[in-house]
Amino acid sequence: MGLPDQTAAAGPRAKPAWPDFAVLEGMGPEERAALLARLPRQEYAGGETVLAEGSENDRLLLVAAGELVVLRGSGAGDFVLTRLGPGECFGEMSALTGARTTATLRAARAATVLRLRPEDVAPNRQAQVALNVAKIVIRRLNGTLANLQRKHEEAAAAMRTQLEAAVFVSKLLTGLALYVLLLPLGLVLKPYLPTDSLISFFFIAAFFGLAWVFVTRVGGGFAGYGMLPGSWRRESGRGLLFAVPVLALVLAGKLGLVRCGGAAAVFEPGRALATMPGAQAGHWLALCAGYIALSYAQEFIRCATQGTLAAYFRAGGLHDGWKSIAVSSLVFAAMHVHLSPAFAAMALAAGLFWGWVYQREKSYWSVSAAHAATGTWTVFIVGVPY
């Protein structure tokens, strides 16, 4: 509770240094100081209620020191309308109209409040004070309208983001459904193809086209997904640094396979040509280059998916965490099922890591460089069986 009302006549005290109250604009310094010294003064500790919503009030509350917060609602539903500091006032509408207060005034920290009644002001100054109060009310109404407009624009932008995300996800689900339906056909054709990468190329190209159309049409464009070309060198270098521990992990796994008899050598680049009898070094280079290009295409799909889902969660005020990473990684792994379940599982594990890199760096170039380096090392140099 606040301390009892105190006035300047309650005993000797140091002359306070009053702030400049806008409601007293037009008064001379001595006249203003004399008026403020006569007003009841009340001290509040942080968290104390100065004036409750819905209560009667016949005085204008002047903030002499500290900070007050204006709240609407009750209990857990309170939300902050504004904050008041020294020189500002509250309660002008209820004091002038006799209506009950429409908000709660609470001390955010230790505060001093003065209480001003209309009759406390000299008759020759009452018109000026009333004009000052009207100016304050108009400023606050203008500020409220501006805040409402800003909130409306933010809500509209959030709705657009969520709608765009929903449209993209629906198209992505359609693409995945078609992939599942066409997968048996791909498995039938697999023995007759020189490399199963041709199957991957078809599906990745289709999903890449879908992602490209979406990214080029949304408000943020390429910049919103970290795809601007200007910083590709520096960001690619950071991606390669993130890939280093994964390369070491792949090498350690291959060493384990060699020791267990599951592989003949630590480095088996020829495994990539196992389905191409008579293939030469030129074929290996062509496959390697094609894989790197597909890596960048796949990460474009990932960034579009993960970035869109992350924007969807933010627009809805939801916590993202690993949700967008997990969903985009599942989509990424699903595009490798035609190779083998084991390869899809490895793709899922790698996808979770690359998704984390993208969430951390917000850069398409970083995650693409990490993907290309890891995949080239795993498939075309170390030669991990799958």
Protein backbone atom coordinates (compact mmCIF):
# COMPACT_ATOMS: atom_id res chain seq x y z
CA MET A 1 0.00 0.00 0.00
CA GLY A 2 1.12 3.60 -0.57
CA LEU A 3 2.07 5.78 2.36
CA PRO A 4 -0.53 8.28 3.68
CA ASP A 5 -0.88 11.57 1.84
CA GLN A 6 1.75 14.09 2.83
CA THR A 7 1.89 17.84 2.11
CA ALA A 8 4.58 20.42 2.39
CA ALA A 9 3.08 21.57 5.74
CA ALA A 10 3.77 18.19 7.36
CA GLY A 11 7.22 19.33 8.49
CA PRO A 12 10.49 20.79 7.21
CA ARG A 13 11.93 19.16 4.13
CA ALA A 14 14.32 19.97 1.36
CA LYS A 15 12.78 21.82 -1.53
CA PRO A 16 12.12 19.15 -4.20
CA ALA A 17 13.34 19.51 -7.76
CA TRP A 18 10.10 19.14 -9.72
CA PRO A 19 10.08 17.92 -13.30
CA ASP A 20 8.51 20.04 -16.03
CA PHE A 21 4.85 19.00 -16.06
CA ALA A 22 3.23 19.53 -19.46
CA VAL A 23 -0.14 20.03 -17.76
CA LEU A 24 1.24 23.13 -15.99
CA GLU A 25 2.75 24.67 -19.10
CA GLY A 26 2.34 28.45 -19.14
CA MET A 27 2.89 28.93 -15.41
CA GLY A 28 5.92 30.77 -14.10
CA PRO A 29 8.55 28.79 -12.14
CA GLU A 30 7.60 30.24 -8.76
CA GLU A 31 3.87 29.87 -9.34
CA ARG A 32 4.33 26.28 -10.49
CA ALA A 33 6.58 25.41 -7.54
CA ALA A 34 4.13 26.92 -5.07
CA LEU A 35 1.26 24.91 -6.54
CA LEU A 36 3.19 21.63 -6.53
CA ALA A 37 4.32 22.16 -2.95
CA ARG A 38 0.69 22.34 -1.82
CA LEU A 39 -0.38 19.12 -3.50
CA PRO A 40 -0.72 15.81 -1.61
CA ARG A 41 2.29 13.64 -2.32
CA GLN A 42 2.32 9.85 -2.11
CA GLU A 43 5.18 7.36 -2.38
CA TYR A 44 4.79 3.93 -4.00
CA ALA A 45 7.07 0.93 -4.06
CA GLY A 46 7.62 -1.04 -7.27
CA GLY A 47 4.61 -3.24 -8.03
CA GLU A 48 2.08 -1.26 -5.99
CA THR A 49 -1.18 -0.20 -7.62
CA VAL A 50 -1.67 3.56 -7.76
CA LEU A 51 -5.11 3.54 -9.37
CA ALA A 52 -7.11 0.43 -10.23
CA GLU A 53 -9.08 -0.05 -13.42
CA GLY A 54 -12.77 0.68 -12.89
CA SER A 55 -12.27 2.85 -9.79
CA GLU A 56 -13.59 6.38 -9.20
CA ASN A 57 -11.12 9.22 -9.52
CA ASP A 58 -11.50 12.99 -9.22
CA ARG A 59 -7.86 14.03 -9.38
CA LEU A 60 -5.16 14.33 -11.98
CA LEU A 61 -2.16 12.17 -11.00
CA LEU A 62 1.22 13.78 -11.72
CA VAL A 63 4.34 11.60 -11.87
CA ALA A 64 6.98 13.45 -9.86
CA ALA A 65 9.59 10.67 -9.80
CA GLY A 66 10.06 7.03 -10.80
CA GLU A 67 8.14 5.13 -13.46
CA LEU A 68 4.51 4.02 -13.69
CA VAL A 69 3.01 1.51 -16.08
CA VAL A 70 -0.53 1.71 -17.52
CA LEU A 71 -2.19 -1.71 -17.79
CA ARG A 72 -5.43 -2.99 -19.25
CA GLY A 73 -7.08 -6.21 -18.10
CA SER A 74 -6.67 -8.08 -14.85
CA GLY A 75 -4.46 -10.76 -13.39
CA ALA A 76 -2.63 -12.90 -15.95
CA GLY A 77 -4.44 -11.02 -18.74
CA ASP A 78 -2.75 -7.68 -18.06
CA PHE A 79 -1.03 -6.06 -20.98
CA VAL A 80 0.94 -2.84 -21.03
CA LEU A 81 -0.59 0.17 -22.78
CA THR A 82 2.17 2.66 -22.03
CA ARG A 83 4.71 3.79 -19.46
CA LEU A 84 4.78 7.13 -17.69
CA GLY A 85 7.84 8.95 -16.37
CA PRO A 86 8.49 12.18 -14.46
CA GLY A 87 6.50 15.12 -15.83
CA GLU A 88 3.66 13.00 -17.23
CA CYS A 89 0.15 12.62 -15.88
CA PHE A 90 -2.70 10.10 -15.68
CA GLY A 91 -6.42 10.11 -14.91
CA GLU A 92 -7.34 13.22 -16.88
CA MET A 93 -10.42 11.63 -18.48
CA SER A 94 -11.91 10.30 -15.25
CA ALA A 95 -11.06 13.52 -13.39
CA LEU A 96 -12.76 15.71 -16.02
CA THR A 97 -15.78 13.53 -16.91
CA GLY A 98 -16.42 11.68 -13.65
CA ALA A 99 -16.30 8.33 -15.45
CA ARG A 100 -14.54 5.35 -13.90
CA THR A 101 -10.96 4.70 -14.88
CA THR A 102 -10.45 2.46 -17.93
CA ALA A 103 -6.94 1.24 -17.04
CA THR A 104 -4.79 0.38 -14.06
CA LEU A 105 -1.85 2.55 -13.02
CA ARG A 106 0.92 0.64 -11.26
CA ALA A 107 4.40 1.59 -10.08
CA ALA A 108 7.02 -0.12 -12.23
CA ARG A 109 9.60 0.91 -9.64
CA ALA A 110 9.66 3.30 -6.66
CA ALA A 111 7.64 6.34 -7.66
CA THR A 112 6.29 9.61 -6.29
CA VAL A 113 2.83 10.81 -7.33
CA LEU A 114 1.17 14.18 -6.80
CA ARG A 115 -2.64 14.53 -6.88
CA LEU A 116 -4.11 17.63 -8.50
CA ARG A 117 -7.77 18.70 -8.26
CA PRO A 118 -9.25 21.36 -10.56
CA GLU A 119 -9.89 23.63 -7.58
CA ASP A 120 -6.20 23.48 -6.63
CA VAL A 121 -5.42 25.65 -9.65
CA ALA A 122 -5.92 29.41 -9.42
CA PRO A 123 -9.08 30.55 -11.28
CA ASN A 124 -7.06 32.61 -13.76
CA ARG A 125 -5.01 29.50 -14.66
CA GLN A 126 -7.79 26.91 -14.92
CA ALA A 127 -8.46 27.60 -18.62
CA GLN A 128 -4.77 27.19 -19.43
CA VAL A 129 -4.56 23.91 -17.48
CA ALA A 130 -7.71 22.65 -19.22
CA LEU A 131 -6.15 23.50 -22.60
CA ASN A 132 -2.96 21.66 -21.59
CA VAL A 133 -5.01 18.61 -20.59
CA ALA A 134 -6.79 18.70 -23.96
CA LYS A 135 -3.41 18.79 -25.75
CA ILE A 136 -2.21 15.81 -23.72
CA VAL A 137 -5.37 13.84 -24.51
CA ILE A 138 -5.04 14.60 -28.24
CA ARG A 139 -1.38 13.55 -28.27
CA ARG A 140 -2.25 10.30 -26.55
CA LEU A 141 -5.11 9.61 -28.93
CA ASN A 142 -2.80 10.23 -31.88
CA GLY A 143 -0.22 7.93 -30.35
CA THR A 144 -2.87 5.27 -29.75
CA LEU A 145 -4.07 5.50 -33.35
CA ALA A 146 -0.50 5.21 -34.62
CA ASN A 147 0.09 2.16 -32.41
CA LEU A 148 -3.16 0.58 -33.59
CA GLN A 149 -2.19 1.18 -37.21
CA ARG A 150 1.26 -0.30 -36.63
CA LYS A 151 -0.24 -3.37 -34.91
CA HIS A 152 -2.74 -3.75 -37.74
CA GLU A 153 0.04 -3.63 -40.32
CA GLU A 154 2.08 -6.16 -38.33
CA ALA A 155 -0.93 -8.48 -38.05
CA ALA A 156 -1.63 -8.16 -41.78
CA ALA A 157 2.03 -8.94 -42.59
CA ALA A 158 1.94 -11.96 -40.28
CA MET A 159 -1.22 -13.22 -41.97
CA ARG A 160 0.38 -12.81 -45.40
CA THR A 161 3.45 -14.72 -44.23
CA GLN A 162 1.37 -17.56 -42.86
CA LEU A 163 -0.77 -17.70 -45.99
CA GLU A 164 2.31 -17.82 -48.24
CA ALA A 165 3.81 -20.54 -46.05
CA ALA A 166 0.59 -22.56 -46.14
CA VAL A 167 0.44 -22.35 -49.95
CA PHE A 168 4.08 -23.43 -50.27
CA VAL A 169 3.68 -26.33 -47.83
CA SER A 170 0.56 -27.53 -49.66
CA LYS A 171 2.50 -27.58 -52.94
CA LEU A 172 5.38 -29.33 -51.23
CA LEU A 173 3.05 -32.01 -49.91
CA THR A 174 1.64 -32.43 -53.41
CA GLY A 175 5.16 -32.90 -54.76
CA LEU A 176 5.99 -35.48 -52.08
CA ALA A 177 2.78 -37.36 -52.85
CA LEU A 178 3.72 -37.50 -56.53
CA TYR A 179 7.21 -38.64 -55.54
CA VAL A 180 5.76 -41.54 -53.56
CA LEU A 181 3.45 -42.49 -56.43
CA LEU A 182 6.27 -42.41 -59.00
CA LEU A 183 8.82 -44.13 -56.76
CA PRO A 184 7.90 -47.68 -57.93
CA LEU A 185 8.47 -46.58 -61.52
CA GLY A 186 11.88 -45.24 -60.58
CA LEU A 187 12.79 -48.52 -58.91
CA VAL A 188 11.76 -50.42 -62.03
CA LEU A 189 13.93 -48.21 -64.23
CA LYS A 190 16.89 -48.21 -61.83
CA PRO A 191 18.63 -51.36 -63.22
CA TYR A 192 18.55 -49.91 -66.73
CA LEU A 193 20.05 -46.53 -65.86
CA PRO A 194 23.81 -45.88 -65.89
CA THR A 195 23.48 -44.27 -62.45
CA ASP A 196 20.64 -43.82 -59.99
CA SER A 197 21.61 -40.15 -59.79
CA LEU A 198 19.40 -39.64 -62.84
CA ILE A 199 16.38 -40.49 -60.70
CA SER A 200 17.56 -38.05 -58.07
CA PHE A 201 18.07 -35.40 -60.72
CA PHE A 202 14.47 -35.68 -61.94
CA PHE A 203 12.90 -35.31 -58.48
CA ILE A 204 15.32 -32.65 -57.26
CA ALA A 205 14.75 -30.59 -60.43
CA ALA A 206 10.99 -30.73 -59.86
CA PHE A 207 11.24 -29.64 -56.21
CA PHE A 208 13.85 -27.02 -57.09
CA GLY A 209 11.48 -25.47 -59.64
CA LEU A 210 8.72 -25.36 -57.03
CA ALA A 211 11.02 -23.69 -54.48
CA TRP A 212 12.42 -21.23 -57.04
CA VAL A 213 8.96 -19.99 -58.06
CA PHE A 214 8.00 -19.52 -54.41
CA VAL A 215 11.17 -17.71 -53.30
CA THR A 216 11.09 -15.29 -56.24
CA ARG A 217 7.49 -14.31 -55.48
CA VAL A 218 7.43 -13.86 -51.69
CA GLY A 219 8.07 -10.48 -50.11
CA GLY A 220 11.55 -11.18 -48.73
CA GLY A 221 12.82 -12.79 -51.93
CA PHE A 222 16.35 -14.17 -52.02
CA ALA A 223 17.51 -11.85 -49.24
CA GLY A 224 14.95 -13.31 -46.83
CA TYR A 225 16.49 -16.76 -47.27
CA GLY A 226 20.16 -15.76 -47.05
CA MET A 227 20.73 -16.25 -50.78
CA LEU A 228 22.32 -12.95 -51.79
CA PRO A 229 25.40 -13.61 -53.96
CA GLY A 230 27.54 -10.76 -52.65
CA SER A 231 28.88 -12.61 -49.60
CA TRP A 232 29.09 -16.12 -51.01
CA ARG A 233 32.89 -16.44 -50.53
CA ARG A 234 32.96 -15.59 -46.84
CA GLU A 235 29.79 -17.56 -46.03
CA SER A 236 30.96 -20.58 -48.03
CA GLY A 237 34.19 -20.55 -46.04
CA ARG A 238 32.22 -20.63 -42.79
CA GLY A 239 30.20 -23.55 -44.12
CA LEU A 240 33.37 -25.51 -44.87
CA LEU A 241 34.53 -24.96 -41.29
CA PHE A 242 31.27 -26.44 -40.00
CA ALA A 243 31.79 -29.44 -42.30
CA VAL A 244 35.23 -30.33 -40.88
CA PRO A 245 34.00 -32.32 -37.83
CA VAL A 246 31.52 -34.20 -40.05
CA LEU A 247 34.29 -35.15 -42.47
CA ALA A 248 36.31 -36.47 -39.54
CA LEU A 249 33.31 -38.44 -38.29
CA VAL A 250 32.78 -40.03 -41.72
CA LEU A 251 36.46 -40.98 -41.88
CA ALA A 252 36.32 -42.51 -38.40
CA GLY A 253 33.23 -44.52 -39.43
CA LYS A 254 34.98 -45.84 -42.52
CA LEU A 255 38.03 -46.82 -40.45
CA GLY A 256 35.67 -48.79 -38.22
CA LEU A 257 34.20 -50.56 -41.23
CA VAL A 258 37.66 -51.49 -42.50
CA ARG A 259 38.63 -52.96 -39.14
CA CYS A 260 35.39 -54.92 -38.94
CA GLY A 261 35.84 -56.27 -42.46
CA GLY A 262 32.95 -54.29 -43.90
CA ALA A 263 35.15 -52.44 -46.39
CA ALA A 264 38.39 -53.18 -48.23
CA ALA A 265 40.08 -49.80 -47.86
CA VAL A 266 39.64 -46.48 -46.13
CA PHE A 267 39.46 -44.53 -49.40
CA GLU A 268 37.38 -46.11 -52.18
CA PRO A 269 36.48 -43.42 -54.72
CA GLY A 270 35.60 -46.16 -57.22
CA ARG A 271 32.45 -47.04 -55.25
CA ALA A 272 30.74 -44.10 -56.95
CA LEU A 273 31.26 -45.88 -60.30
CA ALA A 274 30.11 -49.32 -59.16
CA THR A 275 27.01 -49.26 -61.37
CA MET A 276 28.98 -48.02 -64.42
CA PRO A 277 31.22 -50.83 -65.82
CA GLY A 278 34.14 -49.47 -67.77
CA ALA A 279 33.77 -45.96 -66.37
CA GLN A 280 36.87 -43.78 -66.49
CA ALA A 281 38.22 -40.86 -64.46
CA GLY A 282 36.22 -38.46 -66.64
CA HIS A 283 33.00 -40.15 -65.59
CA TRP A 284 34.03 -39.80 -61.93
CA LEU A 285 34.67 -36.08 -62.39
CA ALA A 286 31.36 -35.62 -64.19
CA LEU A 287 29.46 -37.43 -61.45
CA CYS A 288 31.27 -35.45 -58.77
CA ALA A 289 30.46 -32.13 -60.47
CA GLY A 290 26.85 -33.20 -60.94
CA TYR A 291 26.60 -34.13 -57.28
CA ILE A 292 27.91 -30.74 -56.19
CA ALA A 293 25.36 -28.99 -58.43
CA LEU A 294 22.58 -31.17 -56.99
CA SER A 295 23.82 -30.35 -53.48
CA TYR A 296 23.26 -26.65 -54.09
CA ALA A 297 19.86 -27.40 -55.64
CA GLN A 298 18.84 -29.55 -52.65
CA GLU A 299 19.92 -26.86 -50.20
CA PHE A 300 17.88 -24.32 -52.13
CA ILE A 301 14.87 -26.56 -51.49
CA ARG A 302 15.84 -26.96 -47.85
CA CYS A 303 16.32 -23.23 -47.26
CA ALA A 304 12.98 -22.46 -48.89
CA THR A 305 11.25 -25.10 -46.77
CA GLN A 306 12.99 -24.43 -43.47
CA GLY A 307 13.00 -20.66 -43.88
CA THR A 308 9.30 -20.62 -44.76
CA LEU A 309 8.36 -22.81 -41.80
CA ALA A 310 10.46 -20.67 -39.46
CA ALA A 311 8.70 -17.53 -40.75
CA TYR A 312 5.35 -19.27 -40.26
CA PHE A 313 6.12 -20.04 -36.62
CA ARG A 314 7.40 -16.51 -35.96
CA ALA A 315 4.34 -14.92 -37.56
CA GLY A 316 2.08 -17.02 -35.35
CA GLY A 317 4.05 -16.19 -32.21
CA LEU A 318 5.08 -19.84 -31.86
CA HIS A 319 8.42 -21.20 -30.72
CA ASP A 320 10.32 -22.77 -33.60
CA GLY A 321 13.22 -24.59 -31.94
CA TRP A 322 13.91 -27.68 -34.06
CA LYS A 323 10.49 -27.90 -35.73
CA SER A 324 11.46 -26.28 -39.04
CA ILE A 325 14.78 -28.16 -39.04
CA ALA A 326 13.09 -31.52 -38.46
CA VAL A 327 10.43 -31.03 -41.15
CA SER A 328 12.87 -29.80 -43.80
CA SER A 329 15.28 -32.64 -42.95
CA LEU A 330 12.50 -35.22 -43.36
CA VAL A 331 11.68 -33.75 -46.78
CA PHE A 332 15.39 -33.86 -47.64
CA ALA A 333 15.71 -37.50 -46.51
CA ALA A 334 12.55 -38.52 -48.38
CA MET A 335 14.13 -37.47 -51.68
CA HIS A 336 16.80 -40.17 -51.12
CA VAL A 337 14.54 -43.14 -50.38
CA HIS A 338 14.90 -44.42 -53.95
CA LEU A 339 18.65 -44.88 -53.34
CA SER A 340 18.21 -47.06 -50.26
CA PRO A 341 16.72 -46.86 -46.76
CA ALA A 342 20.25 -46.71 -45.32
CA PHE A 343 21.19 -43.74 -47.50
CA ALA A 344 17.93 -42.00 -46.57
CA ALA A 345 18.76 -42.50 -42.89
CA MET A 346 22.23 -41.01 -43.42
CA ALA A 347 20.64 -38.13 -45.33
CA LEU A 348 18.29 -37.48 -42.41
CA ALA A 349 21.17 -37.35 -39.92
CA ALA A 350 23.18 -35.06 -42.18
CA GLY A 351 20.09 -32.99 -42.91
CA LEU A 352 19.53 -32.27 -39.22
CA PHE A 353 23.09 -30.99 -38.98
CA TRP A 354 22.82 -28.85 -42.11
CA GLY A 355 19.49 -27.54 -40.91
CA TRP A 356 21.14 -26.45 -37.69
CA VAL A 357 23.86 -24.73 -39.70
CA TYR A 358 21.26 -22.85 -41.72
CA GLN A 359 19.32 -21.82 -38.62
CA ARG A 360 22.53 -20.55 -37.04
CA GLU A 361 24.09 -18.83 -40.07
CA LYS A 362 20.92 -17.82 -41.98
CA SER A 363 22.98 -18.39 -45.13
CA TYR A 364 22.21 -20.55 -48.13
CA TRP A 365 25.86 -20.42 -49.16
CA SER A 366 27.15 -21.76 -45.84
CA VAL A 367 24.85 -24.75 -45.72
CA SER A 368 25.33 -25.53 -49.44
CA ALA A 369 29.12 -25.50 -49.11
CA ALA A 370 28.90 -27.78 -46.05
CA HIS A 371 26.59 -30.16 -47.92
CA ALA A 372 28.71 -30.29 -51.07
CA ALA A 373 31.94 -30.85 -49.13
CA THR A 374 30.47 -33.54 -46.89
CA GLY A 375 28.76 -35.42 -49.72
CA THR A 376 31.78 -35.30 -52.02
CA TRP A 377 34.01 -36.57 -49.25
CA THR A 378 31.58 -39.32 -48.23
CA VAL A 379 30.50 -40.63 -51.64
CA PHE A 380 33.35 -39.78 -54.04
CA ILE A 381 36.49 -39.95 -51.87
CA VAL A 382 35.94 -42.15 -48.81
CA GLY A 383 33.33 -44.25 -50.58
CA VAL A 384 30.87 -45.19 -47.84
CA PRO A 385 28.76 -48.16 -48.89
CA TYR A 386 24.99 -47.73 -48.98
